[in-house]
Protein backbone atom coordinates (compact mmCIF):
# COMPACT_ATOMS: atom_id res chain seq x y z
CA MET A 1 -5.88 -8.15 -1.56
CA GLY A 2 -3.51 -7.80 -4.06
CA PHE A 3 -1.37 -3.88 -3.23
CA MET A 4 -1.33 -5.42 0.27
CA TYR A 5 1.04 -9.20 -1.77
CA GLU A 6 2.66 -6.13 -3.64
CA VAL A 7 3.70 -4.49 -0.63
CA GLY A 8 5.06 -7.50 1.37
CA ASN A 9 6.91 -8.13 -1.33
CA GLY A 10 8.85 -4.55 -1.44
CA VAL A 11 9.78 -4.82 2.51
CA GLY A 12 11.12 -8.97 1.65
CA GLU A 13 8.50 -9.70 4.41
CA PHE A 14 7.77 -13.25 2.42
CA LEU A 15 11.92 -13.81 2.55
CA SER A 16 13.90 -16.60 4.78
CA ASP A 17 15.32 -14.61 7.10
CA GLU A 18 19.26 -14.87 5.57
CA ASP A 19 17.77 -13.90 2.56
CA LYS A 20 16.01 -11.05 4.77
CA ASP A 21 19.39 -9.81 5.97
CA LEU A 22 20.96 -8.70 2.65
CA TYR A 23 17.22 -7.81 1.06
CA VAL A 24 16.84 -3.79 1.25
CA PRO A 25 14.17 -3.37 1.67
CA LEU A 26 11.95 -0.90 -0.44
CA ALA A 27 10.31 2.62 0.16
CA LEU A 28 6.41 3.14 0.52
CA PRO A 29 6.86 5.31 -2.62
CA GLU A 30 8.55 2.81 -4.72
CA ILE A 31 6.39 0.19 -4.47
CA VAL A 32 3.63 2.54 -5.32
CA LYS A 33 4.92 3.45 -8.00
CA ALA A 34 5.41 0.54 -9.26
CA TYR A 35 1.67 -0.81 -8.78
CA VAL A 36 0.84 2.34 -10.94
CA ASP A 37 3.22 1.06 -13.65
CA THR A 38 2.28 -2.82 -13.87
CA HIS A 39 -1.82 -2.26 -12.96
CA GLY A 40 -2.65 0.54 -14.59
CA MET A 41 -5.21 3.71 -13.56
CA ILE A 42 -8.20 1.35 -13.31
CA SER A 43 -6.40 -0.31 -11.22
CA VAL A 44 -5.38 1.92 -8.98
CA PHE A 45 -9.00 4.08 -9.11
CA PHE A 46 -10.62 -0.17 -7.99
CA LEU A 47 -7.15 0.05 -5.07
CA LYS A 48 -8.08 3.16 -3.61
CA ILE A 49 -12.11 2.04 -2.88
CA GLN A 50 -11.04 -0.54 -1.42
CA ILE A 51 -9.00 0.51 0.98
CA ARG A 52 -11.92 3.94 1.94
CA GLY A 53 -13.85 1.35 1.78
CA TYR A 54 -12.22 -0.21 4.05
CA ILE A 55 -10.88 2.16 6.68
CA LYS A 56 -15.21 3.19 6.11
CA LYS A 57 -16.07 -0.05 7.00
CA ASN A 58 -13.59 -1.27 10.75
CA MET A 59 -12.91 2.17 11.91
CA THR A 60 -14.24 1.89 15.54
CA VAL A 61 -13.25 4.47 18.49
CA ASN A 62 -10.68 3.87 19.23
CA GLY A 63 -8.70 2.92 15.51
CA LEU A 64 -8.59 1.20 12.69
CA GLU A 65 -9.17 -2.87 13.11
CA TYR A 66 -7.32 -5.66 11.75
CA ALA A 67 -9.84 -7.88 9.33
CA GLU A 68 -10.21 -9.78 6.68
CA PRO A 69 -8.12 -8.76 4.01
CA PHE A 70 -5.07 -7.89 6.47
CA ASN A 71 -5.75 -10.88 8.47
CA GLN A 72 -2.68 -12.00 11.17
CA LYS A 73 0.01 -12.28 8.42
CA LEU A 74 -0.28 -9.41 6.81
CA ARG A 75 0.19 -7.04 9.56
CA PHE A 76 3.46 -6.04 7.58
CA PRO A 77 3.18 -2.44 8.09
CA GLU A 78 4.24 -1.64 10.82
CA ASP A 79 6.43 -3.49 11.23
CA TYR A 80 8.20 -1.87 8.23
CA PHE A 81 6.43 2.08 7.74
CA GLU A 82 6.09 4.61 10.54
CA GLY A 83 2.10 4.50 11.97
CA ASP A 84 -0.21 1.70 12.24
CA LEU A 85 -2.20 0.72 9.54
CA TYR A 86 -4.36 3.50 9.56
CA ILE A 87 -1.02 6.45 8.46
CA PHE A 88 -0.45 3.20 6.82
CA LEU A 89 -3.17 2.90 3.72
CA THR A 90 -4.04 6.89 4.04
CA ASN A 91 -0.54 6.82 2.86
CA VAL A 92 -0.71 5.08 0.10
CA LEU A 93 -4.23 6.79 -0.25
CA ALA A 94 -1.89 9.75 -1.12
CA LEU A 95 0.76 8.21 -2.49
CA LEU A 96 -1.89 7.17 -4.96
CA ASN A 97 -3.06 10.45 -6.57
CA THR A 98 0.15 11.62 -6.40
CA GLU A 99 0.85 9.38 -8.86
CA CYS A 100 -2.59 9.84 -10.76
CA LYS A 101 -2.06 13.44 -10.79
CA SER A 102 1.76 13.11 -12.11
CA ARG A 103 -0.16 10.89 -15.14
CA PHE A 104 -2.42 12.66 -16.21
CA ARG A 105 -0.18 15.99 -16.38
CA ARG A 106 2.92 14.05 -18.55
CA PHE A 107 -0.68 12.98 -20.44
CA PHE A 108 -2.49 15.97 -20.82
CA GLY A 109 -0.38 18.69 -20.64
CA PRO A 110 0.75 21.61 -18.29
């Protein structure tokens, strides 16, 4: 998922240890806003579908299971953001919805 790669870049996950010490990670709202700015509303629409589908497919009675595309290499959201993967993904969905509404209002007026 390209979005998860952008989250990793935003928090400095792929930097060397020395570079991580100097890097100031972006907050999730900043990462989501940048994603919407660069990818547009159609990509946001499909990202929301992918996230909802992932949650629906991998939700168990014990919580959200890790599966592709959230493999071992991409378990970093829990290291940088509060909560587990489910909370992270639902926060992303909420932020995407907020960005969409904000852009809709700016485009079409109050």
